[in-house]
PDB file of N, CA and C in Angstrom:
ATOM      1  N   LEU A   1       0.830  -1.197   0.000  1.00  0.00           N
ATOM      2  CA  LEU A   1       0.000   0.000   0.000  1.00  0.00           C
ATOM      3  C   LEU A   1       0.873   1.259   0.000  1.00  0.00           C
ATOM      4  N   PRO A   2       0.336   2.387  -0.459  1.00  0.00           N
ATOM      5  CA  PRO A   2       1.099   3.637  -0.410  1.00  0.00           C
ATOM      6  C   PRO A   2       1.541   3.968   1.020  1.00  0.00           C
ATOM      7  N   ARG A   3       2.669   4.633   1.115  1.00  0.00           N
ATOM      8  CA  ARG A   3       3.275   5.066   2.389  1.00  0.00           C
ATOM      9  C   ARG A   3       3.756   3.909   3.262  1.00  0.00           C
ATOM     10  N   GLN A   4       3.902   2.738   2.687  1.00  0.00           N
ATOM     11  CA  GLN A   4       4.489   1.623   3.437  1.00  0.00           C
ATOM     12  C   GLN A   4       5.884   1.349   2.905  1.00  0.00           C
ATOM     13  N   ARG A   5       6.689   0.646   3.718  1.00  0.00           N
ATOM     14  CA  ARG A   5       8.057   0.332   3.329  1.00  0.00           C
ATOM     15  C   ARG A   5       8.262  -1.174   3.362  1.00  0.00           C
ATOM     16  N   ILE A   6       9.334  -1.612   2.737  1.00  0.00           N
ATOM     17  CA  ILE A   6       9.678  -3.030   2.710  1.00  0.00           C
ATOM     18  C   ILE A   6      10.920  -3.238   3.566  1.00  0.00           C
ATOM     19  N   GLN A   7      10.898  -4.286   4.377  1.00  0.00           N
ATOM     20  CA  GLN A   7      12.080  -4.684   5.136  1.00  0.00           C
ATOM     21  C   GLN A   7      12.492  -6.069   4.664  1.00  0.00           C
ATOM     22  N   LEU A   8      13.731  -6.176   4.224  1.00  0.00           N
ATOM     23  CA  LEU A   8      14.300  -7.441   3.783  1.00  0.00           C
ATOM     24  C   LEU A   8      15.288  -7.882   4.859  1.00  0.00           C
ATOM     25  N   ALA A   9      15.012  -9.019   5.488  1.00  0.00           N
ATOM     26  CA  ALA A   9      15.855  -9.490   6.597  1.00  0.00           C
ATOM     27  C   ALA A   9      16.676 -10.684   6.155  1.00  0.00           C
ATOM     28  N   PHE A  10      17.992 -10.611   6.372  1.00  0.00           N
ATOM     29  CA  PHE A  10      18.911 -11.714   6.092  1.00  0.00           C
ATOM     30  C   PHE A  10      19.201 -12.426   7.404  1.00  0.00           C
ATOM     31  N   ASP A  11      19.198 -13.755   7.389  1.00  0.00           N
ATOM     32  CA  ASP A  11      19.458 -14.481   8.630  1.00  0.00           C
ATOM     33  C   ASP A  11      20.952 -14.779   8.795  1.00  0.00           C
ATOM     34  N   LYS A  12      21.278 -15.464   9.847  1.00  0.00           N
ATOM     35  CA  LYS A  12      22.681 -15.729  10.194  1.00  0.00           C
ATOM     36  C   LYS A  12      23.370 -16.697   9.248  1.00  0.00           C
ATOM     37  N   THR A  13      22.610 -17.478   8.468  1.00  0.00           N
ATOM     38  CA  THR A  13      23.240 -18.441   7.555  1.00  0.00           C
ATOM     39  C   THR A  13      23.594 -17.807   6.216  1.00  0.00           C
ATOM     40  N   TYR A  14      23.467 -16.494   6.090  1.00  0.00           N
ATOM     41  CA  TYR A  14      23.818 -15.767   4.872  1.00  0.00           C
ATOM     42  C   TYR A  14      25.293 -15.959   4.542  1.00  0.00           C
ATOM     43  N   TYR A  15      25.590 -16.247   3.284  1.00  0.00           N
ATOM     44  CA  TYR A  15      26.987 -16.265   2.821  1.00  0.00           C
ATOM     45  C   TYR A  15      26.984 -16.198   1.300  1.00  0.00           C
ATOM     46  N   ILE A  16      27.666 -15.218   0.759  1.00  0.00           N
ATOM     47  CA  ILE A  16      27.899 -15.112  -0.679  1.00  0.00           C
ATOM     48  C   ILE A  16      29.389 -14.926  -0.856  1.00  0.00           C
ATOM     49  N   GLU A  17      29.963 -15.678  -1.787  1.00  0.00           N
ATOM     50  CA  GLU A  17      31.412 -15.642  -1.997  1.00  0.00           C
ATOM     51  C   GLU A  17      31.900 -14.196  -2.129  1.00  0.00           C
ATOM     52  N   PRO A  18      32.893 -13.816  -1.317  1.00  0.00           N
ATOM     53  CA  PRO A  18      33.385 -12.433  -1.364  1.00  0.00           C
ATOM     54  C   PRO A  18      34.253 -12.176  -2.599  1.00  0.00           C
ATOM     55  N   SER A  19      34.237 -10.942  -3.067  1.00  0.00           N
ATOM     56  CA  SER A  19      35.119 -10.492  -4.141  1.00  0.00           C
ATOM     57  C   SER A  19      35.322  -8.984  -3.969  1.00  0.00           C
ATOM     58  N   PHE A  20      36.351  -8.448  -4.590  1.00  0.00           N
ATOM     59  CA  PHE A  20      36.654  -7.026  -4.493  1.00  0.00           C
ATOM     60  C   PHE A  20      35.466  -6.220  -5.034  1.00  0.00           C
ATOM     61  N   GLU A  21      34.947  -5.320  -4.232  1.00  0.00           N
ATOM     62  CA  GLU A  21      33.795  -4.488  -4.559  1.00  0.00           C
ATOM     63  C   GLU A  21      32.571  -5.304  -4.979  1.00  0.00           C
ATOM     64  N   CYS A  22      32.495  -6.555  -4.528  1.00  0.00           N
ATOM     65  CA  CYS A  22      31.369  -7.455  -4.839  1.00  0.00           C
ATOM     66  C   CYS A  22      31.106  -7.517  -6.348  1.00  0.00           C
ATOM     67  N   ARG A  23      32.172  -7.635  -7.134  1.00  0.00           N
ATOM     68  CA  ARG A  23      32.031  -7.634  -8.595  1.00  0.00           C
ATOM     69  C   ARG A  23      31.447  -8.916  -9.151  1.00  0.00           C
ATOM     70  N   PHE A  24      31.597 -10.011  -8.456  1.00  0.00           N
ATOM     71  CA  PHE A  24      31.132 -11.282  -8.991  1.00  0.00           C
ATOM     72  C   PHE A  24      29.828 -11.681  -8.312  1.00  0.00           C
ATOM     73  N   ASP A  25      29.816 -12.696  -7.470  1.00  0.00           N
ATOM     74  CA  ASP A  25      28.586 -13.095  -6.786  1.00  0.00           C
ATOM     75  C   ASP A  25      28.162 -11.994  -5.814  1.00  0.00           C
ATOM     76  N   HIS A  26      26.925 -11.566  -5.928  1.00  0.00           N
ATOM     77  CA  HIS A  26      26.429 -10.526  -5.018  1.00  0.00           C
ATOM     78  C   HIS A  26      24.912 -10.412  -5.101  1.00  0.00           C
ATOM     79  N   ILE A  27      24.347  -9.729  -4.112  1.00  0.00           N
ATOM     80  CA  ILE A  27      22.942  -9.333  -4.126  1.00  0.00           C
ATOM     81  C   ILE A  27      22.944  -7.814  -4.229  1.00  0.00           C
ATOM     82  N   GLU A  28      22.227  -7.314  -5.220  1.00  0.00           N
ATOM     83  CA  GLU A  28      22.114  -5.876  -5.434  1.00  0.00           C
ATOM     84  C   GLU A  28      20.695  -5.458  -5.063  1.00  0.00           C
ATOM     85  N   ILE A  29      20.588  -4.448  -4.215  1.00  0.00           N
ATOM     86  CA  ILE A  29      19.274  -3.995  -3.759  1.00  0.00           C
ATOM     87  C   ILE A  29      19.124  -2.516  -4.093  1.00  0.00           C
ATOM     88  N   ARG A  30      18.002  -2.203  -4.740  1.00  0.00           N
ATOM     89  CA  ARG A  30      17.731  -0.822  -5.132  1.00  0.00           C
ATOM     90  C   ARG A  30      16.419  -0.337  -4.516  1.00  0.00           C
ATOM     91  N   ASP A  31      16.376   0.945  -4.257  1.00  0.00           N
ATOM     92  CA  ASP A  31      15.243   1.569  -3.582  1.00  0.00           C
ATOM     93  C   ASP A  31      14.217   2.053  -4.605  1.00  0.00           C
ATOM     94  N   GLY A  32      13.454   1.119  -5.132  1.00  0.00           N
ATOM     95  CA  GLY A  32      12.451   1.435  -6.136  1.00  0.00           C
ATOM     96  C   GLY A  32      12.129   0.214  -6.965  1.00  0.00           C
ATOM     97  N   PRO A  33      11.290   0.354  -7.984  1.00  0.00           N
ATOM     98  CA  PRO A  33      10.823  -0.803  -8.745  1.00  0.00           C
ATOM     99  C   PRO A  33      11.696  -1.183  -9.947  1.00  0.00           C
ATOM    100  N   PHE A  34      12.771  -0.441 -10.213  1.00  0.00           N
ATOM    101  CA  PHE A  34      13.534  -0.660 -11.447  1.00  0.00           C
ATOM    102  C   PHE A  34      15.020  -0.897 -11.198  1.00  0.00           C
ATOM    103  N   GLY A  35      15.687  -1.464 -12.193  1.00  0.00           N
ATOM    104  CA  GLY A  35      17.126  -1.703 -12.126  1.00  0.00           C
ATOM    105  C   GLY A  35      17.950  -0.434 -12.149  1.00  0.00           C
ATOM    106  N   PHE A  36      17.325   0.703 -12.464  1.00  0.00           N
ATOM    107  CA  PHE A  36      18.021   1.996 -12.438  1.00  0.00           C
ATOM    108  C   PHE A  36      17.585   2.857 -11.242  1.00  0.00           C
ATOM    109  N   SER A  37      16.782   2.280 -10.350  1.00  0.00           N
ATOM    110  CA  SER A  37      16.398   2.992  -9.115  1.00  0.00           C
ATOM    111  C   SER A  37      17.640   3.220  -8.266  1.00  0.00           C
ATOM    112  N   PRO A  38      17.615   4.145  -7.313  1.00  0.00           N
ATOM    113  CA  PRO A  38      18.791   4.420  -6.476  1.00  0.00           C
ATOM    114  C   PRO A  38      19.303   3.152  -5.774  1.00  0.00           C
ATOM    115  N   LEU A  39      20.602   2.968  -5.856  1.00  0.00           N
ATOM    116  CA  LEU A  39      21.240   1.796  -5.251  1.00  0.00           C
ATOM    117  C   LEU A  39      21.258   1.927  -3.732  1.00  0.00           C
ATOM    118  N   ILE A  40      20.740   0.916  -3.043  1.00  0.00           N
ATOM    119  CA  ILE A  40      20.866   0.864  -1.585  1.00  0.00           C
ATOM    120  C   ILE A  40      22.254   0.315  -1.276  1.00  0.00           C
ATOM    121  N   ASP A  41      22.577  -0.854  -1.838  1.00  0.00           N
ATOM    122  CA  ASP A  41      23.916  -1.425  -1.670  1.00  0.00           C
ATOM    123  C   ASP A  41      24.023  -2.735  -2.428  1.00  0.00           C
ATOM    124  N   ARG A  42      25.253  -3.192  -2.571  1.00  0.00           N
ATOM    125  CA  ARG A  42      25.574  -4.529  -3.092  1.00  0.00           C
ATOM    126  C   ARG A  42      26.180  -5.301  -1.939  1.00  0.00           C
ATOM    127  N   PHE A  43      25.735  -6.531  -1.766  1.00  0.00           N
ATOM    128  CA  PHE A  43      26.199  -7.314  -0.631  1.00  0.00           C
ATOM    129  C   PHE A  43      26.856  -8.597  -1.098  1.00  0.00           C
ATOM    130  N   CYS A  44      27.969  -8.942  -0.456  1.00  0.00           N
ATOM    131  CA  CYS A  44      28.637 -10.219  -0.665  1.00  0.00           C
ATOM    132  C   CYS A  44      29.484 -10.498   0.576  1.00  0.00           C
ATOM    133  N   GLY A  45      30.058 -11.689   0.619  1.00  0.00           N
ATOM    134  CA  GLY A  45      30.906 -12.039   1.746  1.00  0.00           C
ATOM    135  C   GLY A  45      30.140 -12.751   2.844  1.00  0.00           C
ATOM    136  N   PRO A  46      30.807 -13.009   3.961  1.00  0.00           N
ATOM    137  CA  PRO A  46      30.207 -13.808   5.031  1.00  0.00           C
ATOM    138  C   PRO A  46      29.350 -13.035   6.030  1.00  0.00           C
ATOM    139  N   LYS A  47      29.458 -11.700   6.048  1.00  0.00           N
ATOM    140  CA  LYS A  47      28.723 -10.927   7.055  1.00  0.00           C
ATOM    141  C   LYS A  47      27.316 -10.602   6.563  1.00  0.00           C
ATOM    142  N   SER A  48      26.320 -10.992   7.330  1.00  0.00           N
ATOM    143  CA  SER A  48      24.924 -10.752   6.983  1.00  0.00           C
ATOM    144  C   SER A  48      24.623  -9.250   6.977  1.00  0.00           C
ATOM    145  N   PRO A  49      23.925  -8.756   5.955  1.00  0.00           N
ATOM    146  CA  PRO A  49      23.543  -7.337   5.935  1.00  0.00           C
ATOM    147  C   PRO A  49      22.509  -6.979   6.995  1.00  0.00           C
ATOM    148  N   GLY A  50      21.909  -7.992   7.635  1.00  0.00           N
ATOM    149  CA  GLY A  50      20.892  -7.727   8.654  1.00  0.00           C
ATOM    150  C   GLY A  50      19.567  -7.375   8.006  1.00  0.00           C
ATOM    151  N   VAL A  51      19.019  -6.209   8.338  1.00  0.00           N
ATOM    152  CA  VAL A  51      17.738  -5.765   7.785  1.00  0.00           C
ATOM    153  C   VAL A  51      17.989  -4.578   6.861  1.00  0.00           C
ATOM    154  N   VAL A  52      17.461  -4.671   5.644  1.00  0.00           N
ATOM    155  CA  VAL A  52      17.561  -3.586   4.666  1.00  0.00           C
ATOM    156  C   VAL A  52      16.140  -3.055   4.468  1.00  0.00           C
ATOM    157  N   THR A  53      15.971  -1.731   4.558  1.00  0.00           N
ATOM    158  CA  THR A  53      14.640  -1.124   4.488  1.00  0.00           C
ATOM    159  C   THR A  53      14.559  -0.148   3.328  1.00  0.00           C
ATOM    160  N   SER A  54      13.480  -0.226   2.563  1.00  0.00           N
ATOM    161  CA  SER A  54      13.244   0.716   1.469  1.00  0.00           C
ATOM    162  C   SER A  54      12.630   1.997   2.027  1.00  0.00           C
ATOM    163  N   THR A  55      12.630   3.055   1.211  1.00  0.00           N
ATOM    164  CA  THR A  55      11.993   4.302   1.636  1.00  0.00           C
ATOM    165  C   THR A  55      10.537   4.354   1.190  1.00  0.00           C
ATOM    166  N   GLY A  56      10.152   3.435   0.308  1.00  0.00           N
ATOM    167  CA  GLY A  56       8.783   3.400  -0.200  1.00  0.00           C
ATOM    168  C   GLY A  56       8.302   1.975  -0.343  1.00  0.00           C
ATOM    169  N   ARG A  57       7.287   1.774  -1.160  1.00  0.00           N
ATOM    170  CA  ARG A  57       6.643   0.463  -1.256  1.00  0.00           C
ATOM    171  C   ARG A  57       7.250  -0.465  -2.304  1.00  0.00           C
ATOM    172  N   PHE A  58       8.401  -0.096  -2.884  1.00  0.00           N
ATOM    173  CA  PHE A  58       9.064  -0.953  -3.868  1.00  0.00           C
ATOM    174  C   PHE A  58      10.514  -1.196  -3.474  1.00  0.00           C
ATOM    175  N   MET A  59      10.987  -2.395  -3.794  1.00  0.00           N
ATOM    176  CA  MET A  59      12.394  -2.743  -3.599  1.00  0.00           C
ATOM    177  C   MET A  59      12.775  -3.676  -4.746  1.00  0.00           C
ATOM    178  N   TRP A  60      13.853  -3.344  -5.434  1.00  0.00           N
ATOM    179  CA  TRP A  60      14.336  -4.128  -6.574  1.00  0.00           C
ATOM    180  C   TRP A  60      15.512  -4.960  -6.079  1.00  0.00           C
ATOM    181  N   ILE A  61      15.462  -6.283  -6.299  1.00  0.00           N
ATOM    182  CA  ILE A  61      16.497  -7.196  -5.797  1.00  0.00           C
ATOM    183  C   ILE A  61      17.001  -8.038  -6.955  1.00  0.00           C
ATOM    184  N   LYS A  62      18.319  -8.131  -7.085  1.00  0.00           N
ATOM    185  CA  LYS A  62      18.921  -8.951  -8.144  1.00  0.00           C
ATOM    186  C   LYS A  62      20.056  -9.762  -7.539  1.00  0.00           C
ATOM    187  N   PHE A  63      20.041 -11.074  -7.804  1.00  0.00           N
ATOM    188  CA  PHE A  63      21.129 -11.945  -7.374  1.00  0.00           C
ATOM    189  C   PHE A  63      21.981 -12.270  -8.588  1.00  0.00           C
ATOM    190  N   THR A  64      23.263 -12.002  -8.480  1.00  0.00           N
ATOM    191  CA  THR A  64      24.214 -12.297  -9.563  1.00  0.00           C
ATOM    192  C   THR A  64      25.189 -13.325  -9.072  1.00  0.00           C
TER     193      THR A  64
END
């Protein structure tokens, strides 16, 4: 619904192979409905990102 946000929670078993600047395996999260929406962050490596929250009702997620 309008004026709601999305929270994406990663658990403790999270692990994506680390690489310099997360160039290879990674999860890319954007704040909006499109691949060109503002980048929240790219995540890789052994440390869980915890909870990622959007500013609105859309969140774009891509696993590479």
